[in-house]
Structures are given as C-alpha cells and as structure tokens.
Amino acid sequence: MPRRYVIQKDPDELWTVYDKFTGWPAELDGLVLTGLSVRAAKKFVGTLNLKDHIDQMGRGISLKNARGPRN
C-alpha cells in the first residue's frame, strides 16, 4: 500500500510528519506535526496513513492507482 505520510528527522534531532502529496508538514485536527519525538512521529504517521487508507476505500479509489506528485 502506498503511504501518503512519512517521517523525516529535522536538523534539531526532532521529527516531522510530511504529506508526500503536498510536500508540507502534515496536520491532524489543526496540529502541525513538527518537533516530535520519533515515537510520537511514528504513531502519528501510522494514524494518518490508516485514516487516508480508510478514506480512499470509502471513495472506492484503488490505492495501487492513487498517485501523488513525483519526488
């Protein structure tokens, strides 16, 4: 399953969750997911990817055919 959200280590040794489709830090309920511990970042990225998967399935979109911008 393609993953829309990924984590990346920042120069300050903290972590950010990024939306691969937009290239911007991800948000969840208005919270920008930056400056996180690796443990928190992994939990948020799992939650967001699961939510995205459920949303895609609800719209009948095959994740194998869903594409974001090329990196």
Protein backbone atom coordinates (compact mmCIF):
# COMPACT_ATOMS: atom_id res chain seq x y z
CA MET A 1 0.00 0.00 0.00
CA PRO A 2 1.46 3.38 -0.95
CA ARG A 3 1.96 5.58 2.06
CA ARG A 4 0.93 9.21 1.87
CA TYR A 5 2.61 10.24 5.12
CA VAL A 6 6.27 9.78 6.09
CA ILE A 7 8.54 10.95 8.90
CA GLN A 8 11.77 12.85 8.48
CA LYS A 9 14.42 13.80 11.00
CA ASP A 10 14.94 17.54 11.35
CA PRO A 11 18.31 19.26 11.91
CA ASP A 12 17.40 19.76 15.59
CA GLU A 13 17.17 15.95 16.02
CA LEU A 14 13.36 16.07 16.31
CA TRP A 15 10.94 14.62 13.75
CA THR A 16 8.30 15.93 11.34
CA VAL A 17 5.46 14.04 9.66
CA TYR A 18 5.24 15.04 5.98
CA ASP A 19 2.44 14.66 3.47
CA LYS A 20 4.19 13.27 0.37
CA PHE A 21 1.40 14.54 -1.88
CA THR A 22 1.78 18.19 -0.84
CA GLY A 23 5.36 18.27 0.45
CA TRP A 24 4.17 20.13 3.54
CA PRO A 25 4.21 19.06 7.19
CA ALA A 26 1.08 17.09 7.97
CA GLU A 27 -1.68 18.35 10.24
CA LEU A 28 -4.06 16.44 12.45
CA ASP A 29 -7.03 18.26 13.99
CA GLY A 30 -5.27 21.59 13.42
CA LEU A 31 -1.99 20.45 14.99
CA VAL A 32 1.06 20.77 12.71
CA LEU A 33 3.11 17.61 13.25
CA THR A 34 6.61 19.03 13.71
CA GLY A 35 9.10 18.93 16.58
CA LEU A 36 8.09 15.41 17.62
CA SER A 37 9.89 12.54 19.29
CA VAL A 38 10.46 9.60 16.94
CA ARG A 39 7.92 7.57 18.91
CA ALA A 40 5.21 10.23 18.56
CA ALA A 41 6.03 10.76 14.87
CA LYS A 42 5.67 7.03 14.16
CA LYS A 43 2.33 6.92 15.95
CA PHE A 44 1.02 9.95 14.06
CA VAL A 45 2.24 8.66 10.69
CA GLY A 46 0.53 5.31 11.34
CA THR A 47 -2.71 7.02 12.31
CA LEU A 48 -2.67 9.33 9.30
CA ASN A 49 -1.84 6.56 6.82
CA LEU A 50 -4.63 4.38 8.25
CA LYS A 51 -7.09 7.29 8.06
CA ASP A 52 -6.04 8.00 4.47
CA HIS A 53 -6.46 4.33 3.56
CA ILE A 54 -9.96 4.24 5.05
CA ASP A 55 -10.89 7.48 3.27
CA GLN A 56 -9.61 6.12 -0.06
CA MET A 57 -11.52 2.86 0.36
CA GLY A 58 -14.67 4.78 1.22
CA ARG A 59 -14.38 6.68 -2.05
CA GLY A 60 -13.69 3.45 -3.95
CA ILE A 61 -10.22 4.56 -5.03
CA SER A 62 -7.65 1.83 -5.51
CA LEU A 63 -4.52 2.71 -3.58
CA LYS A 64 -2.42 0.98 -6.21
CA ASN A 65 -3.62 3.57 -8.71
CA ALA A 66 -3.50 6.61 -6.42
CA ARG A 67 -0.60 8.88 -7.17
CA GLY A 68 0.84 12.00 -5.68
CA PRO A 69 3.47 14.33 -7.10
CA ARG A 70 6.69 12.67 -8.09
CA ASN A 71 9.66 13.25 -5.79
